Amino acid sequence: AIATGGIRFLDEDIVQGFGVSDREVDAVTYQERLELERRENYYRQSQPMHPLTNYHVILVDDGLATGSSMKVAVMAVRRFRPASITIAVPVSEMHICNQLQAYVNQVVCLQTPAPFISVGRWYADFRPTTDEDVRSLLHQAHQRFNDTSIA
């Protein structure tokens, strides 16, 4: 998993278990960084990121399977010294929620079913959110609160 600011988290057990070389990891990381930059520019409409210092940040995801993406999100946000960080998800494995407690002020997991199997299993419709949907929602939030703080 990667995040803004050159942050990368690799599950070394998985990388080694599948026999993925450092060169392959670096190649995929490079491509994913390009995609991350494209999306950030598109979502923000080329506006700079609003500073998060002293803000209470809530990181939301549709669910946590491994927690890797959320870990890098926390690492990226932490660099900006927010007042607090809360993770909020509708569904996750219990042990993932428990692991993440060590990284943030609060973790809210609405459901921790066992067996978990996958995030998508707990949705009637698990189609991916489009870039256009994200941009539209950010624009609506920006207008609604008449604030330039949409990161």
Foldseek 3Di string as FASTA:
>chain_A
DADPPGDDDDPVVVCVVVVPDPVNVVVVVVVVVVVNVVLVCLQLVNDDAAQQAQAEEEAEDQEDEPCRVVVNVLVVNVVSHYPFYEYEYAEYAPVSQVVCVVRTVYYHHNDHDPPPPDSVVPDPDDDDDDSVNSSVVLVVVCVVVVDSNRD
